[in-house]
Structure formats: C-alpha cells, structure tokens
Amino acid sequence: MRVGIDVGGTNTDAVVLDGSRVVAATKAPTSEDVTSGILTALGEVRKAVAVDDIASVFIGTTHFINAIAQGRDLERVAAVRLATPPQSLMPMIDWPDRLREVVDGGTFVCAGGSQFDGSPLNELDEPGLREIARRIAASGVRHIALSSVFSTVNPDPEIRAEEILREELPHASITRSMLVGRVGLLERENATILNAALLDLAGRVIDGLEEVVAGVGISAPILLSQNDGTVMTLDRARLFPIFTIASGPTNSMRGAALLTGLDHGVVIDVGGTTSDIGMLQHGFPRESTVAMSLAGVRSNFRMPDVLSLALGGGTKVTGDGAVVGPESVGYRIMSEARVFGGDTLTFTDVAVAGGADPIGDPTAVSGLPAETVRRALDVVTDRLVRAIDKAKLTAGDIPVIVVGGGGPLLAALPGFKDVIIPEHAGVANAVGAAFAEAGGEVDRVYTLTGTTRAAALETAKAEAVARAVAAGADPDSVRIIDTDDVPLTHLPGGMAVRIKVKAVGPFRDLVTTPEGR
C-alpha cells in the first residue's frame, strides 16, 4: 500500500491507497512548522494500516514555497554567469529588494558561454573563473548558482566551469542552470539561484521528514511530489528542492485523474482560501510555457499552468453579496463562519444557504436574504466560468472535475450541476501524491547541422527516458506522454529546433513482475 500526504494552507491530508482504491483518509490542521501536521496525519493513517503493509510514503510539502514567499530560511548565493563581460543586466537585477538582500552573496560574470547554435561565444576564461572562486571563498558564501548563455543548447561551458569551481571550492554546493531551468537566461538563472538558496533548508526538512516517518514506525521509502505531477527521491530533492514548490495543485490534478478515470479535463481544486484551476492532459497537469513569478522573481522551469483565484470556503462575502473576497478567514473557518457558530459571512455560508450539502448548522444561515445569496453565487459563477474558459484548449465542451475540501460547495452554483465531484474529492491532493510516478523531461534547443529534426527528436526522447530512470522509474515501464518540437525559423539559417519531451514511469522499487521483483 501507498501512503500519500499533501500539506495545504489549512489542512494536511493523508490517504492510504491499495492499488487505486482509497483504503483510509484523514485530515489534520496544518501546523506552523508543517512537520507537526504531517506527524498528526501519519499517526491517524497508522491506525488504519499495518506499517509492514506500507510500500512507500509520498509527500507534497509547502516548506519551500513558504520559505521563498516569506524570505526566510534562505542562504546567500553567489551567482556566476558565463557570458561576455561586462553585462548591463546582472544576475538578480529584477528581484524584489527584500528577497535580494537575503539571498545576494555576490554576482560575477566570466567570459564564456555559447551562441544560439551551440558554437562558442567566448573562450572560457579559466584564470578569471579561478579568481572569482577565490573571491567567493573569501566572502564565506557556500552556495553557487552557475549559469551560461545558451546552456540549453550547449551545456559544455557550464560543465567545465563546474569542474573548475569544484577544484577551487571543494566544500561549496554548485547548481548548474541547465539542470534547473529552460530557455531564457535571466529566468533560468533566477530559478537556479532560488534552488541554491534552498539547499540547506532542504537538508533540514528532509532529515525531519525521515525522522517523522520513522517515528511512527514506517520504514518504507519516502518520495517528494514535484511541480509536474511526478515525484522524486529524497536524494534528488536535496539537490533540487525548487522542483517541489508547486506540488499542491499538481497533486490535486493527478488525484482528480485517478478518482475519475479521466485523462483530460479542467480541474477545479477548491480549498479554504483559494481555488486552483488547471487543464489535465494525458493524466498530468498542463505545464506553463511562459515565465512564472515566484514572490516577485521571474523564473522558467517545470511549473503547472494553473490559475489561482481568491475563492475558497473561507472567502468573506460582503456588500449584500456583491463582493466575494479576496479576504478569507482561512484556517479560522471552523470558528468564524456562521454555520460553525461565528459571525463572519463566508462563501461556505452562502453556498449552504443556496442548496449545497449541509455543513455545520444550516439553520444559522436560513435567515440570509435570498437576494444576497443569489448575488454572491452569481459572482462566484461568473468568476469560475471565466477561469474555466481560460484553462480550456478548445471552445467545445470538456469535463469539469471539482476536488478539494470546498468542492461540494460548487453544487449550489447555477450552471454547475453537471460538474464531476468524485468520491474522496476532499483528499484528491493526497491521492495524487500517493499515485505519482517518476519522471524525466527534456526542454532544449537542438541545432540541425549534420543531423535531422527526426533524429534530434529521438535523441531528446532517449534523454527524457534516461532522466526518468535516473529519477527512479522502472526502465521497463517508462513511457513518453508528451512531445513538442518547434522549428526556430527566426534564427539565421533556420537550422535549430526547440524540443520538449516528457517521460514517466512507476518507481522500480514499487513494480511487481511475475518473478516477484
């Protein structure tokens, strides 16, 4: 059996899966330190299943996105860029001041890098790079984010620069941008710096998770949810914590696919404070193809294409129903919403009054003016319909799946009678975590000099499969779920193509073959 845990802003959910069947499910309040809430949820799960029957524990955590959003528990990072000095747009130039003050451990530019076609931009200035290393050592900074112009086309300059930096700084961590981000130097560099800043926290968090799981007697492997709907080993998470920061919405979408058996559709995840809307493709969330903002920092790496609305069960309703949000009572809903004995009008209250399944004390909202209820529900309906239209790829009808603890509230909305609300929708996020697979992705530019577009695509597929296997997937079960290749005809000669390939597969340690492996 698999245990899935997902940490949300209000609740930490946990489930036990036997194959695709939900054996047990529980919710516990999310604690300030996150880990305590996980321990509580695990303790409840432990009552429902013998620890010897647990094959693995999958966890989606908010530790790292909270650290970035709040600018805490981050380390100083030296950003080293291979380009043509001097540069007018230096690393971290577009960061918010409060975050840059915490993370900035010095920015350095060294001659090196590649052209758009992979040919050398400059010869790597090895003596200059060694001098930069000595300056970093003198500053006491222990983490380095290394980026290079067009490293997504030719990673060799970054690889050589890493070798030199390791010779000079054997005790420093070095994160290469080619392993983190996509096309676009500043955005890829930003993601690499954020990843480097999280490394110490990642070590402490993962140590804590191992201790918590072992503390309830579970000795099964632990895996962390990633932004793209897959999971990774703890060893990999120690190196790339940035890949876990958007695991909440992706877990919910993967859970929606499992609980409904649908591979395509729009998923609405209704929580206590927000609703996340995204598109499900091939059973996985559609990924964003543009740069995303993380606490004001533009980054470009594997992130779900999700629209978040300030709409949840705890969202405040004012103005006789004309204003819904953005303020929310959040985790205080159990004491402040009217159906729970409070005096604040929330979306939960108007939904119950409008015909949703009863929650708390429905008589507490029976006296709400019908016009107030209708007006609030119309506002919410309009907002969600617009979001669904943005998420859809076509103008035709498409299934709409509603999950999350606040999902049943949407039954009160006019025009939402045909949405799909599966059994166990309230813990779909934890189900998605438990059902996740290992994955590998390639997103880079290939030059076609001396080769063909078809050959480049096959090379990318093989590399994506290799990355999935390196992430823990069983080699015999890996499959390609997404391919995309775009000729870059605007480049001189038109001899390049951007190829994106994604491969996924079940973890090798969780695959049972006829031989019993």
Protein backbone atom coordinates (compact mmCIF):
# COMPACT_ATOMS: atom_id res chain seq x y z
CA MET A 1 0.00 0.00 0.00
CA ARG A 2 0.99 3.60 -0.59
CA VAL A 3 0.60 6.50 1.83
CA GLY A 4 0.04 9.92 0.28
CA ILE A 5 0.35 13.18 2.23
CA ASP A 6 -0.29 16.69 0.95
CA VAL A 7 0.29 19.80 3.05
CA GLY A 8 -2.18 22.61 2.34
CA GLY A 9 -2.57 26.06 3.82
CA THR A 10 -5.45 24.92 6.05
CA ASN A 11 -5.25 21.13 6.31
CA THR A 12 -2.71 18.37 5.90
CA ASP A 13 -4.42 15.46 4.16
CA ALA A 14 -3.33 11.84 4.19
CA VAL A 15 -4.63 8.74 2.42
CA VAL A 16 -3.76 5.08 2.08
CA LEU A 17 -4.05 3.57 -1.40
CA ASP A 18 -4.31 -0.14 -2.14
CA GLY A 19 -3.66 -0.03 -5.88
CA SER A 20 -6.08 2.70 -6.95
CA ARG A 21 -8.53 2.11 -4.07
CA VAL A 22 -8.67 4.55 -1.16
CA VAL A 23 -8.43 2.45 2.00
CA ALA A 24 -8.29 5.28 4.53
CA ALA A 25 -8.28 9.08 4.53
CA THR A 26 -7.79 11.73 7.17
CA LYS A 27 -7.33 15.48 7.63
CA ALA A 28 -5.28 17.28 10.25
CA PRO A 29 -4.74 21.02 10.72
CA THR A 30 -1.57 22.25 9.03
CA SER A 31 0.91 23.26 11.72
CA GLU A 32 3.09 26.36 11.62
CA ASP A 33 6.20 24.21 11.29
CA VAL A 34 4.41 21.93 8.73
CA THR A 35 6.17 18.83 10.05
CA SER A 36 3.97 18.52 13.14
CA GLY A 37 0.85 18.46 10.96
CA ILE A 38 2.42 15.67 8.89
CA LEU A 39 3.12 13.73 12.08
CA THR A 40 -0.51 14.07 13.19
CA ALA A 41 -1.81 12.91 9.80
CA LEU A 42 0.60 9.97 9.77
CA GLY A 43 -0.49 8.99 13.25
CA GLU A 44 -4.09 8.72 12.04
CA VAL A 45 -3.04 6.72 8.98
CA ARG A 46 -1.02 4.42 11.20
CA LYS A 47 -4.27 3.38 12.92
CA ALA A 48 -5.78 2.19 9.64
CA VAL A 49 -2.97 0.06 8.20
CA ALA A 50 -0.12 -2.11 9.44
CA VAL A 51 3.25 -0.50 8.86
CA ASP A 52 4.59 -3.67 7.26
CA ASP A 53 1.98 -3.27 4.51
CA ILE A 54 3.21 0.21 3.53
CA ALA A 55 5.43 0.14 0.43
CA SER A 56 6.12 3.86 0.19
CA VAL A 57 5.24 7.30 1.55
CA PHE A 58 4.66 10.16 -0.88
CA ILE A 59 4.70 13.71 0.50
CA GLY A 60 3.80 17.06 -1.04
CA THR A 61 5.13 19.83 1.19
CA THR A 62 4.85 23.62 1.36
CA HIS A 63 8.14 24.10 3.22
CA PHE A 64 10.00 25.53 0.24
CA ILE A 65 7.36 27.78 -1.32
CA ASN A 66 6.71 29.22 2.16
CA ALA A 67 10.42 29.97 2.56
CA ILE A 68 10.55 31.84 -0.76
CA ALA A 69 7.29 33.71 -0.17
CA GLN A 70 8.37 34.83 3.31
CA GLY A 71 12.05 35.36 2.52
CA ARG A 72 13.19 33.21 5.44
CA ASP A 73 15.43 30.17 5.92
CA LEU A 74 17.26 31.05 2.70
CA GLU A 75 21.04 31.04 2.26
CA ARG A 76 23.25 33.55 0.50
CA VAL A 77 24.17 32.53 -3.03
CA ALA A 78 26.99 33.62 -5.32
CA ALA A 79 25.67 33.91 -8.88
CA VAL A 80 28.29 33.16 -11.54
CA ARG A 81 27.36 33.79 -15.18
CA LEU A 82 29.35 32.77 -18.26
CA ALA A 83 28.82 35.50 -20.87
CA THR A 84 30.58 38.47 -22.44
CA PRO A 85 31.63 40.91 -19.73
CA PRO A 86 30.63 43.49 -18.84
CA GLN A 87 26.88 42.89 -18.61
CA SER A 88 24.19 45.54 -18.27
CA LEU A 89 21.60 43.07 -16.88
CA MET A 90 23.35 41.45 -13.95
CA PRO A 91 22.06 38.41 -12.03
CA MET A 92 19.20 39.21 -9.61
CA ILE A 93 18.65 42.60 -11.26
CA ASP A 94 14.87 42.08 -11.34
CA TRP A 95 14.47 40.70 -7.80
CA PRO A 96 12.43 42.44 -5.09
CA ASP A 97 14.76 44.29 -2.74
CA ARG A 98 13.68 42.36 0.37
CA LEU A 99 14.47 39.00 -1.23
CA ARG A 100 17.70 40.08 -2.90
CA GLU A 101 19.04 41.39 0.42
CA VAL A 102 18.58 37.93 1.92
CA VAL A 103 19.98 35.86 -0.96
CA ASP A 104 22.59 38.05 -2.68
CA GLY A 105 26.04 36.63 -1.99
CA GLY A 106 27.71 38.39 -4.89
CA THR A 107 27.24 38.40 -8.67
CA PHE A 108 30.05 37.61 -11.09
CA VAL A 109 30.42 37.50 -14.87
CA CYS A 110 33.18 35.46 -16.51
CA ALA A 111 33.96 35.22 -20.22
CA GLY A 112 32.43 32.07 -21.70
CA GLY A 113 29.13 30.68 -22.92
CA SER A 114 27.70 29.71 -26.29
CA GLN A 115 25.95 31.18 -29.30
CA PHE A 116 22.37 30.24 -30.20
CA ASP A 117 23.70 27.44 -32.39
CA GLY A 118 25.99 25.99 -29.73
CA SER A 119 29.21 27.44 -31.09
CA PRO A 120 31.48 29.25 -28.60
CA LEU A 121 30.51 32.77 -27.64
CA ASN A 122 33.81 33.36 -25.86
CA GLU A 123 36.63 31.11 -24.81
CA LEU A 124 36.10 30.21 -21.16
CA ASP A 125 38.33 32.46 -19.05
CA GLU A 126 39.64 29.79 -16.70
CA PRO A 127 42.11 32.06 -14.82
CA GLY A 128 39.35 34.62 -14.36
CA LEU A 129 36.97 31.94 -13.07
CA ARG A 130 39.56 30.75 -10.55
CA GLU A 131 39.93 34.33 -9.33
CA ILE A 132 36.14 34.55 -8.91
CA ALA A 133 36.29 31.33 -6.89
CA ARG A 134 38.88 32.85 -4.58
CA ARG A 135 36.69 35.93 -4.06
CA ILE A 136 33.70 33.71 -3.24
CA ALA A 137 35.79 31.72 -0.76
CA ALA A 138 36.87 34.94 0.95
CA SER A 139 33.25 36.05 1.29
CA GLY A 140 32.27 32.87 3.14
CA VAL A 141 29.41 32.05 0.73
CA ARG A 142 28.90 28.28 0.43
CA HIS A 143 26.37 28.05 -2.41
CA ILE A 144 26.95 28.88 -6.07
CA ALA A 145 24.43 29.23 -8.89
CA LEU A 146 26.22 28.73 -12.21
CA SER A 147 24.60 29.84 -15.46
CA SER A 148 25.78 30.22 -19.03
CA VAL A 149 24.43 31.90 -22.14
CA PHE A 150 22.56 29.30 -24.23
CA SER A 151 23.48 26.43 -21.93
CA THR A 152 20.21 24.77 -23.03
CA VAL A 153 21.85 24.39 -26.46
CA ASN A 154 25.39 23.62 -25.35
CA PRO A 155 25.93 22.67 -21.68
CA ASP A 156 29.68 22.10 -22.06
CA PRO A 157 30.79 25.57 -20.81
CA GLU A 158 28.75 25.09 -17.63
CA ILE A 159 30.12 21.59 -17.12
CA ARG A 160 33.73 22.75 -17.48
CA ALA A 161 33.13 25.76 -15.23
CA GLU A 162 31.65 23.48 -12.57
CA GLU A 163 34.78 21.32 -12.67
CA ILE A 164 36.98 24.38 -12.13
CA LEU A 165 34.84 25.74 -9.30
CA ARG A 166 34.86 22.35 -7.55
CA GLU A 167 38.63 22.27 -7.74
CA GLU A 168 38.83 25.69 -6.08
CA LEU A 169 35.83 25.31 -3.74
CA PRO A 170 35.55 21.63 -2.78
CA HIS A 171 33.12 22.29 0.07
CA ALA A 172 30.71 24.54 -1.83
CA SER A 173 27.47 23.44 -3.49
CA ILE A 174 27.24 24.24 -7.20
CA THR A 175 23.91 24.24 -9.04
CA ARG A 176 24.05 24.36 -12.85
CA SER A 177 21.24 26.23 -14.60
CA MET A 178 20.98 23.63 -17.37
CA LEU A 179 19.73 21.14 -14.77
CA VAL A 180 17.08 23.50 -13.40
CA GLY A 181 15.59 25.88 -15.94
CA ARG A 182 14.58 26.25 -19.57
CA VAL A 183 15.29 28.59 -22.46
CA GLY A 184 15.73 32.19 -21.28
CA LEU A 185 18.88 33.22 -19.42
CA LEU A 186 17.50 35.54 -16.71
CA GLU A 187 14.56 33.30 -15.81
CA ARG A 188 16.68 30.14 -15.83
CA GLU A 189 19.33 31.88 -13.75
CA ASN A 190 16.73 33.11 -11.25
CA ALA A 191 15.39 29.57 -10.75
CA THR A 192 18.92 28.28 -10.23
CA ILE A 193 19.68 30.93 -7.60
CA LEU A 194 16.46 30.16 -5.73
CA ASN A 195 17.28 26.45 -5.79
CA ALA A 196 20.76 27.10 -4.38
CA ALA A 197 19.30 29.31 -1.65
CA LEU A 198 17.02 26.44 -0.54
CA LEU A 199 19.65 23.72 -0.26
CA ASP A 200 20.39 24.00 3.47
CA LEU A 201 16.68 24.15 4.28
CA ALA A 202 16.11 21.13 2.04
CA GLY A 203 18.61 19.13 4.06
CA ARG A 204 16.93 20.03 7.35
CA VAL A 205 13.39 19.43 6.04
CA ILE A 206 14.24 16.05 4.54
CA ASP A 207 16.01 14.97 7.71
CA GLY A 208 12.90 16.00 9.62
CA LEU A 209 10.57 14.10 7.29
CA GLU A 210 12.65 10.96 7.62
CA GLU A 211 12.55 11.32 11.40
CA VAL A 212 8.77 11.87 11.44
CA VAL A 213 8.03 8.86 9.25
CA ALA A 214 10.39 6.64 11.19
CA GLY A 215 8.85 7.93 14.43
CA VAL A 216 5.52 6.28 13.63
CA GLY A 217 7.25 3.00 12.80
CA ILE A 218 7.23 3.26 8.99
CA SER A 219 10.44 2.15 7.30
CA ALA A 220 9.21 2.42 3.69
CA PRO A 221 10.91 4.75 1.16
CA ILE A 222 9.87 8.42 1.20
CA LEU A 223 9.35 10.36 -2.04
CA LEU A 224 8.52 14.03 -2.57
CA SER A 225 5.98 15.43 -5.03
CA GLN A 226 7.25 17.59 -7.89
CA ASN A 227 5.69 20.51 -9.75
CA ASP A 228 4.90 18.45 -12.85
CA GLY A 229 2.85 15.70 -11.21
CA THR A 230 5.72 13.28 -10.72
CA VAL A 231 7.76 12.53 -7.59
CA MET A 232 11.44 12.25 -6.79
CA THR A 233 13.69 10.53 -4.31
CA LEU A 234 14.90 12.33 -1.22
CA ASP A 235 18.47 12.30 -2.53
CA ARG A 236 17.36 14.21 -5.62
CA ALA A 237 15.17 16.53 -3.54
CA ARG A 238 18.23 17.50 -1.50
CA LEU A 239 19.76 18.81 -4.76
CA PHE A 240 16.66 20.29 -6.43
CA PRO A 241 14.12 21.46 -3.83
CA ILE A 242 12.83 24.08 -6.30
CA PHE A 243 11.06 21.29 -8.18
CA THR A 244 8.64 20.72 -5.26
CA ILE A 245 7.25 24.20 -4.69
CA ALA A 246 4.04 23.87 -6.75
CA SER A 247 3.22 20.30 -5.83
CA GLY A 248 -0.14 21.16 -4.23
CA PRO A 249 -2.13 21.96 -7.39
CA THR A 250 -0.43 19.19 -9.37
CA ASN A 251 -1.22 16.60 -6.71
CA SER A 252 -4.88 17.60 -6.84
CA MET A 253 -4.97 17.28 -10.61
CA ARG A 254 -3.30 13.88 -10.56
CA GLY A 255 -5.75 12.82 -7.86
CA ALA A 256 -8.65 14.03 -9.99
CA ALA A 257 -7.43 11.82 -12.86
CA LEU A 258 -7.21 8.75 -10.63
CA LEU A 259 -10.53 9.26 -8.86
CA THR A 260 -12.48 9.83 -12.08
CA GLY A 261 -10.55 7.71 -14.58
CA LEU A 262 -10.36 10.76 -16.90
CA ASP A 263 -7.12 11.80 -18.59
CA HIS A 264 -8.41 15.10 -19.99
CA GLY A 265 -10.50 17.85 -18.46
CA VAL A 266 -10.49 21.05 -16.45
CA VAL A 267 -9.83 20.56 -12.75
CA ILE A 268 -11.01 23.00 -10.07
CA ASP A 269 -9.39 22.49 -6.67
CA VAL A 270 -11.40 24.42 -4.06
CA GLY A 271 -9.58 24.97 -0.80
CA GLY A 272 -10.20 27.12 2.25
CA THR A 273 -8.63 30.26 0.80
CA THR A 274 -8.11 29.79 -2.94
CA SER A 275 -9.33 27.80 -5.91
CA ASP A 276 -6.78 26.50 -8.42
CA ILE A 277 -7.94 25.85 -11.98
CA GLY A 278 -5.84 23.91 -14.47
CA MET A 279 -6.01 21.65 -17.51
CA LEU A 280 -5.47 17.91 -17.26
CA GLN A 281 -3.65 16.38 -20.26
CA HIS A 282 -2.72 12.70 -20.53
CA GLY A 283 -3.46 12.41 -16.82
CA PHE A 284 -0.95 15.16 -15.89
CA PRO A 285 -1.32 18.91 -15.41
CA ARG A 286 -0.57 21.02 -18.43
CA GLU A 287 2.71 22.81 -17.84
CA SER A 288 3.26 26.52 -18.23
CA THR A 289 5.24 27.57 -21.30
CA VAL A 290 5.97 31.08 -20.05
CA ALA A 291 7.93 32.52 -17.17
CA MET A 292 6.18 32.43 -13.80
CA SER A 293 6.58 34.76 -10.85
CA LEU A 294 7.70 33.35 -7.51
CA ALA A 295 7.46 36.02 -4.81
CA GLY A 296 8.22 38.60 -7.49
CA VAL A 297 11.07 36.63 -9.11
CA ARG A 298 10.51 35.64 -12.75
CA SER A 299 11.52 32.00 -13.24
CA ASN A 300 11.21 29.48 -16.03
CA PHE A 301 11.25 25.82 -15.06
CA ARG A 302 8.75 22.98 -14.69
CA MET A 303 5.60 24.61 -13.33
CA PRO A 304 1.90 23.78 -13.80
CA ASP A 305 -0.22 26.17 -15.84
CA VAL A 306 -2.64 26.95 -13.02
CA LEU A 307 -4.84 29.97 -12.42
CA SER A 308 -5.39 30.72 -8.73
CA LEU A 309 -8.47 32.61 -7.63
CA ALA A 310 -9.02 34.19 -4.22
CA LEU A 311 -12.05 31.98 -3.72
CA GLY A 312 -12.42 29.25 -1.12
CA GLY A 313 -14.69 28.02 1.61
CA GLY A 314 -13.45 30.74 3.96
CA THR A 315 -13.68 33.63 1.48
CA LYS A 316 -15.55 36.58 3.01
CA VAL A 317 -18.78 37.80 1.44
CA THR A 318 -19.70 41.48 1.88
CA GLY A 319 -21.74 44.22 0.22
CA ASP A 320 -25.00 42.26 0.41
CA GLY A 321 -23.40 39.52 -1.67
CA ALA A 322 -21.92 41.76 -4.36
CA VAL A 323 -18.33 41.40 -3.09
CA VAL A 324 -16.79 37.94 -2.71
CA GLY A 325 -13.19 38.04 -1.45
CA PRO A 326 -10.33 38.44 -1.72
CA GLU A 327 -10.12 38.36 2.09
CA SER A 328 -10.59 34.98 3.76
CA VAL A 329 -10.93 33.69 7.30
CA GLY A 330 -8.59 30.85 6.22
CA TYR A 331 -7.94 28.20 8.85
CA ARG A 332 -10.25 30.08 11.26
CA ILE A 333 -13.30 29.00 9.26
CA MET A 334 -14.27 26.44 11.92
CA SER A 335 -14.82 29.25 14.41
CA GLU A 336 -15.67 32.32 12.30
CA ALA A 337 -18.06 31.08 9.57
CA ARG A 338 -21.73 31.42 10.51
CA VAL A 339 -22.53 27.73 10.01
CA PHE A 340 -19.86 26.99 12.61
CA GLY A 341 -21.11 29.49 15.17
CA GLY A 342 -19.18 32.57 14.05
CA ASP A 343 -20.41 35.92 12.81
CA THR A 344 -18.50 36.28 9.51
CA LEU A 345 -20.37 35.64 6.25
CA THR A 346 -18.31 33.33 4.06
CA PHE A 347 -18.72 31.54 0.76
CA THR A 348 -19.46 28.37 2.74
CA ASP A 349 -22.42 30.11 4.37
CA VAL A 350 -23.99 31.38 1.15
CA ALA A 351 -23.37 28.02 -0.60
CA VAL A 352 -25.14 26.11 2.20
CA ALA A 353 -27.96 28.63 2.13
CA GLY A 354 -28.11 28.19 -1.66
CA GLY A 355 -28.58 24.44 -1.60
CA ALA A 356 -25.15 22.85 -1.16
CA ASP A 357 -24.87 19.81 1.11
CA PRO A 358 -25.40 20.89 4.73
CA ILE A 359 -22.27 21.72 6.70
CA GLY A 360 -22.20 22.66 10.36
CA ASP A 361 -25.50 24.23 11.45
CA PRO A 362 -27.54 25.10 8.32
CA THR A 363 -30.14 26.90 10.47
CA ALA A 364 -27.56 29.59 11.17
CA VAL A 365 -27.87 30.80 7.55
CA SER A 366 -31.52 30.03 6.93
CA GLY A 367 -32.38 33.66 7.50
CA LEU A 368 -29.99 35.08 4.90
CA PRO A 369 -31.78 37.30 2.36
CA ALA A 370 -32.38 35.32 -0.83
CA GLU A 371 -31.09 38.23 -2.92
CA THR A 372 -27.79 38.27 -1.02
CA VAL A 373 -27.32 34.54 -1.59
CA ARG A 374 -28.24 34.77 -5.29
CA ARG A 375 -25.97 37.75 -5.90
CA ALA A 376 -22.96 36.09 -4.22
CA LEU A 377 -23.47 32.81 -6.09
CA ASP A 378 -23.73 34.69 -9.41
CA VAL A 379 -20.44 36.49 -8.69
CA VAL A 380 -18.69 33.19 -7.96
CA THR A 381 -20.23 31.51 -11.01
CA ASP A 382 -19.08 34.27 -13.34
CA ARG A 383 -15.57 34.16 -11.91
CA LEU A 384 -15.24 30.39 -12.27
CA VAL A 385 -16.72 30.28 -15.79
CA ARG A 386 -14.17 32.83 -16.95
CA ALA A 387 -11.37 30.81 -15.36
CA ILE A 388 -12.57 27.58 -16.99
CA ASP A 389 -12.63 29.27 -20.41
CA LYS A 390 -9.04 30.41 -19.89
CA ALA A 391 -7.93 26.91 -18.94
CA LYS A 392 -9.59 25.14 -21.88
CA LEU A 393 -7.68 24.43 -25.07
CA THR A 394 -10.77 24.34 -27.31
CA ALA A 395 -14.17 26.00 -27.49
CA GLY A 396 -16.06 22.71 -27.21
CA ASP A 397 -17.47 21.03 -24.14
CA ILE A 398 -14.97 19.41 -21.82
CA PRO A 399 -15.37 17.59 -18.49
CA VAL A 400 -15.03 19.78 -15.41
CA ILE A 401 -13.79 17.93 -12.33
CA VAL A 402 -14.14 19.53 -8.90
CA VAL A 403 -11.96 18.41 -5.99
CA GLY A 404 -10.77 19.86 -2.70
CA GLY A 405 -12.40 20.27 0.68
CA GLY A 406 -14.61 23.08 -0.62
CA GLY A 407 -15.55 21.26 -3.82
CA PRO A 408 -19.10 20.26 -2.75
CA LEU A 409 -19.92 23.96 -2.25
CA LEU A 410 -19.97 24.45 -6.03
CA ALA A 411 -23.10 22.29 -6.26
CA ALA A 412 -25.01 25.40 -5.19
CA LEU A 413 -23.87 27.42 -8.21
CA PRO A 414 -26.26 27.88 -11.13
CA GLY A 415 -24.95 26.06 -14.19
CA PHE A 416 -22.61 23.80 -12.23
CA LYS A 417 -24.94 20.82 -11.89
CA ASP A 418 -23.02 18.75 -14.46
CA VAL A 419 -19.58 19.08 -12.90
CA ILE A 420 -17.94 15.87 -11.71
CA ILE A 421 -17.28 15.62 -7.97
CA PRO A 422 -15.73 12.19 -7.38
CA GLU A 423 -15.78 10.20 -4.17
CA HIS A 424 -12.91 11.24 -1.88
CA ALA A 425 -12.69 14.57 -3.74
CA GLY A 426 -11.78 16.27 -0.47
CA VAL A 427 -8.47 14.40 -0.28
CA ALA A 428 -7.69 14.30 -4.01
CA ASN A 429 -4.41 16.10 -3.34
CA ALA A 430 -3.17 13.30 -1.09
CA VAL A 431 -4.46 10.70 -3.57
CA GLY A 432 -2.48 12.41 -6.32
CA ALA A 433 0.64 12.37 -4.19
CA ALA A 434 0.30 8.66 -3.48
CA PHE A 435 -0.38 7.79 -7.12
CA ALA A 436 2.57 9.72 -8.56
CA GLU A 437 5.28 8.31 -10.79
CA ALA A 438 8.89 9.18 -11.53
CA GLY A 439 9.50 11.45 -14.48
CA GLY A 440 12.12 12.98 -16.72
CA GLU A 441 11.90 15.98 -19.02
CA VAL A 442 13.99 17.50 -21.80
CA ASP A 443 13.39 21.07 -22.96
CA ARG A 444 16.25 22.39 -25.05
CA VAL A 445 17.31 23.73 -28.43
CA TYR A 446 18.96 21.32 -30.87
CA THR A 447 20.99 22.51 -33.83
CA LEU A 448 20.31 20.56 -37.02
CA THR A 449 23.73 20.93 -38.56
CA GLY A 450 24.77 17.41 -39.58
CA THR A 451 21.53 15.81 -38.35
CA THR A 452 17.77 15.84 -38.94
CA ARG A 453 14.77 17.01 -36.99
CA ALA A 454 13.57 13.40 -36.57
CA ALA A 455 16.96 12.31 -35.25
CA ALA A 456 17.03 15.20 -32.78
CA LEU A 457 13.57 14.20 -31.54
CA GLU A 458 14.69 10.62 -30.98
CA THR A 459 17.74 11.88 -29.10
CA ALA A 460 15.51 14.01 -26.87
CA LYS A 461 13.19 11.06 -26.21
CA ALA A 462 16.09 8.86 -25.20
CA GLU A 463 17.43 11.56 -22.89
CA ALA A 464 13.99 12.08 -21.28
CA VAL A 465 13.67 8.33 -20.67
CA ALA A 466 17.18 8.25 -19.18
CA ARG A 467 16.30 11.11 -16.85
CA ALA A 468 13.11 9.32 -15.74
CA VAL A 469 15.13 6.19 -14.98
CA ALA A 470 17.70 8.28 -13.10
CA ALA A 471 14.81 9.73 -11.07
CA GLY A 472 13.80 6.20 -10.03
CA ALA A 473 11.45 4.95 -12.77
CA ASP A 474 11.45 1.29 -13.74
CA PRO A 475 13.29 1.08 -17.10
CA ASP A 476 10.83 -1.47 -18.47
CA SER A 477 7.78 0.67 -17.71
CA VAL A 478 8.80 4.19 -18.82
CA ARG A 479 6.54 5.81 -21.43
CA ILE A 480 6.59 9.08 -23.35
CA ILE A 481 3.49 11.15 -22.55
CA ASP A 482 4.25 14.45 -24.27
CA THR A 483 6.37 15.65 -27.19
CA ASP A 484 6.59 19.05 -28.80
CA ASP A 485 9.06 20.36 -31.37
CA VAL A 486 9.08 23.90 -32.74
CA PRO A 487 11.39 24.92 -35.62
CA LEU A 488 13.23 28.12 -34.78
CA THR A 489 12.98 29.59 -38.27
CA HIS A 490 13.67 33.11 -36.99
CA LEU A 491 17.28 32.18 -36.26
CA PRO A 492 19.88 32.68 -39.00
CA GLY A 493 19.81 29.69 -41.33
CA GLY A 494 16.74 28.18 -39.60
CA MET A 495 18.89 25.26 -38.52
CA ALA A 496 17.59 24.79 -35.00
CA VAL A 497 14.56 23.29 -33.28
CA ARG A 498 13.28 23.54 -29.72
CA ILE A 499 12.20 20.12 -28.49
CA LYS A 500 10.29 19.28 -25.33
CA VAL A 501 9.75 15.66 -24.28
CA LYS A 502 8.33 14.24 -21.04
CA ALA A 503 8.68 10.63 -19.92
CA VAL A 504 7.12 8.99 -16.86
CA GLY A 505 7.01 5.58 -15.25
CA PRO A 506 6.31 3.81 -11.95
CA PHE A 507 9.15 3.55 -9.45
CA ARG A 508 11.30 0.48 -9.92
CA ASP A 509 11.05 -0.48 -6.24
CA LEU A 510 7.24 -0.43 -6.45
CA VAL A 511 6.87 -2.53 -9.61
CA THR A 512 5.94 -6.17 -9.19
CA THR A 513 6.86 -8.52 -12.03
CA PRO A 514 5.92 -12.20 -12.49
CA GLU A 515 9.28 -13.04 -10.93
CA GLY A 516 8.25 -11.12 -7.82
CA ARG A 517 10.60 -8.17 -8.31
